[in-house]
């Protein structure tokens, strides 16, 4: 059976949370093909996860992942956002969230919804 594809993204203030979450759920994540935006991907690789790295978010990584969602190559997105921070690429973030909604692809933005997503897609 072909592995489903998950995309992982974390704002700078949430990268440590993402790494911790992945470490705590490493066996679940190994059931998926994983891609991530640039810096998040490098941190996840260092944590022991096989990851295909895209560009960093502000340089177009969010848009690359949105394209995978739109073309049905990505089955779920985990995006640990910093809702209190200012981000120069907010339009890209909004676009990614809209694309997930348009294409009915689950998007988790916090650890509990992410846990439900990774467990739900394998069932």
Protein backbone atom coordinates (compact mmCIF):
# COMPACT_ATOMS: atom_id res chain seq x y z
CA UNK A 1 0.00 0.00 0.00
CA UNK A 2 1.30 3.45 -0.94
CA UNK A 3 2.10 5.74 1.98
CA UNK A 4 -0.06 8.80 2.47
CA UNK A 5 1.71 12.15 2.36
CA UNK A 6 1.79 14.65 5.23
CA UNK A 7 3.25 18.15 5.16
CA UNK A 8 4.72 19.67 8.33
CA UNK A 9 5.20 23.39 8.89
CA UNK A 10 6.07 25.37 12.02
CA UNK A 11 6.64 29.04 12.62
CA UNK A 12 9.90 29.88 14.37
CA UNK A 13 8.24 30.15 17.79
CA UNK A 14 6.66 26.70 17.34
CA UNK A 15 9.58 24.73 15.86
CA UNK A 16 10.63 23.24 19.22
CA UNK A 17 7.03 22.16 19.81
CA UNK A 18 6.94 20.51 16.36
CA UNK A 19 10.21 18.63 16.97
CA UNK A 20 8.98 17.46 20.38
CA UNK A 21 5.63 16.38 18.91
CA UNK A 22 7.32 14.42 16.14
CA UNK A 23 9.71 12.72 18.58
CA UNK A 24 6.78 11.73 20.80
CA UNK A 25 4.94 10.27 17.78
CA UNK A 26 7.86 9.10 15.62
CA UNK A 27 6.40 5.65 14.90
CA UNK A 28 3.15 7.18 13.64
CA UNK A 29 5.05 9.61 11.41
CA UNK A 30 7.11 6.79 9.90
CA UNK A 31 3.87 5.46 8.36
CA UNK A 32 3.76 8.56 6.11
CA UNK A 33 5.73 10.20 3.36
CA UNK A 34 6.74 13.53 4.94
CA UNK A 35 7.55 16.89 3.42
CA UNK A 36 8.21 20.10 5.33
CA UNK A 37 9.17 23.69 4.78
CA UNK A 38 12.92 24.36 4.83
CA UNK A 39 14.08 25.01 8.38
CA UNK A 40 11.36 22.87 9.96
CA UNK A 41 12.37 20.01 7.67
CA UNK A 42 16.04 20.26 8.63
CA UNK A 43 15.16 20.13 12.33
CA UNK A 44 12.92 17.11 11.77
CA UNK A 45 15.66 15.33 9.82
CA UNK A 46 18.01 15.92 12.76
CA UNK A 47 15.33 14.39 15.02
CA UNK A 48 15.46 11.18 12.96
CA UNK A 49 12.57 11.60 10.52
CA UNK A 50 12.92 11.10 6.77
CA UNK A 51 11.75 14.41 5.27
CA UNK A 52 11.67 16.00 1.83
CA UNK A 53 12.47 19.68 2.40
CA UNK A 54 10.74 22.43 0.45
CA UNK A 55 11.73 26.10 0.45
CA UNK A 56 11.37 27.97 3.71
CA UNK A 57 7.88 29.40 4.25
CA UNK A 58 8.68 33.04 3.47
CA UNK A 59 10.51 31.98 0.28
CA UNK A 60 7.61 29.96 -1.11
CA UNK A 61 7.53 26.70 0.87
CA UNK A 62 3.93 27.27 1.96
CA UNK A 63 2.97 27.75 -1.69
CA UNK A 64 4.81 24.55 -2.70
CA UNK A 65 2.85 22.59 -0.13
CA UNK A 66 -0.40 24.25 -1.20
CA UNK A 67 0.31 23.10 -4.76
CA UNK A 68 0.72 19.52 -3.51
CA UNK A 69 -2.60 19.79 -1.67
CA UNK A 70 -4.34 21.19 -4.77
CA UNK A 71 -2.98 18.38 -6.96
CA UNK A 72 -3.98 15.69 -4.44
CA UNK A 73 -0.37 14.74 -3.69
CA UNK A 74 -0.68 15.73 -0.01
CA UNK A 75 -3.29 14.14 2.26
CA UNK A 76 -2.88 16.25 5.39
CA UNK A 77 -1.08 19.32 6.73
CA UNK A 78 0.19 19.97 10.23
CA UNK A 79 0.99 23.65 10.64
CA UNK A 80 1.99 24.78 14.12
CA UNK A 81 1.32 28.48 13.64
CA UNK A 82 2.21 31.31 15.95
CA UNK A 83 -1.16 33.09 16.03
CA UNK A 84 0.22 36.00 18.06
CA UNK A 85 3.17 36.81 15.80
CA UNK A 86 3.44 38.97 12.70
CA UNK A 87 4.53 37.10 9.59
CA UNK A 88 5.55 38.79 6.34
CA UNK A 89 4.17 35.86 4.36
CA UNK A 90 0.66 35.94 5.91
CA UNK A 91 -0.94 35.92 2.44
CA UNK A 92 0.79 32.58 1.73
CA UNK A 93 -0.40 31.17 5.06
CA UNK A 94 -3.98 32.22 4.32
CA UNK A 95 -3.72 30.76 0.84
CA UNK A 96 -2.52 27.40 2.19
CA UNK A 97 -5.37 27.27 4.69
CA UNK A 98 -7.88 28.18 1.98
CA UNK A 99 -6.51 25.51 -0.38
CA UNK A 100 -6.84 22.89 2.38
CA UNK A 101 -10.47 23.94 2.86
CA UNK A 102 -11.24 24.01 -0.88
CA UNK A 103 -9.78 20.53 -1.42
CA UNK A 104 -11.13 19.06 1.84
CA UNK A 105 -7.67 18.20 3.18
CA UNK A 106 -7.30 18.10 6.97
CA UNK A 107 -5.22 20.87 8.52
CA UNK A 108 -4.09 20.67 12.15
CA UNK A 109 -2.71 23.75 13.87
CA UNK A 110 -2.03 22.46 17.38
CA UNK A 111 -0.75 19.23 18.95
CA UNK A 112 -4.12 17.70 19.87
CA UNK A 113 -5.61 18.21 16.42
CA UNK A 114 -2.34 16.97 14.89
CA UNK A 115 -2.52 13.80 16.96
CA UNK A 116 -6.07 13.18 15.74
CA UNK A 117 -4.96 13.82 12.15
CA UNK A 118 -2.00 11.41 12.16
CA UNK A 119 -4.01 8.66 13.81
CA UNK A 120 -7.13 9.25 11.73
CA UNK A 121 -5.41 9.11 8.34
CA UNK A 122 -3.89 5.69 9.06
CA UNK A 123 -7.25 4.11 9.89
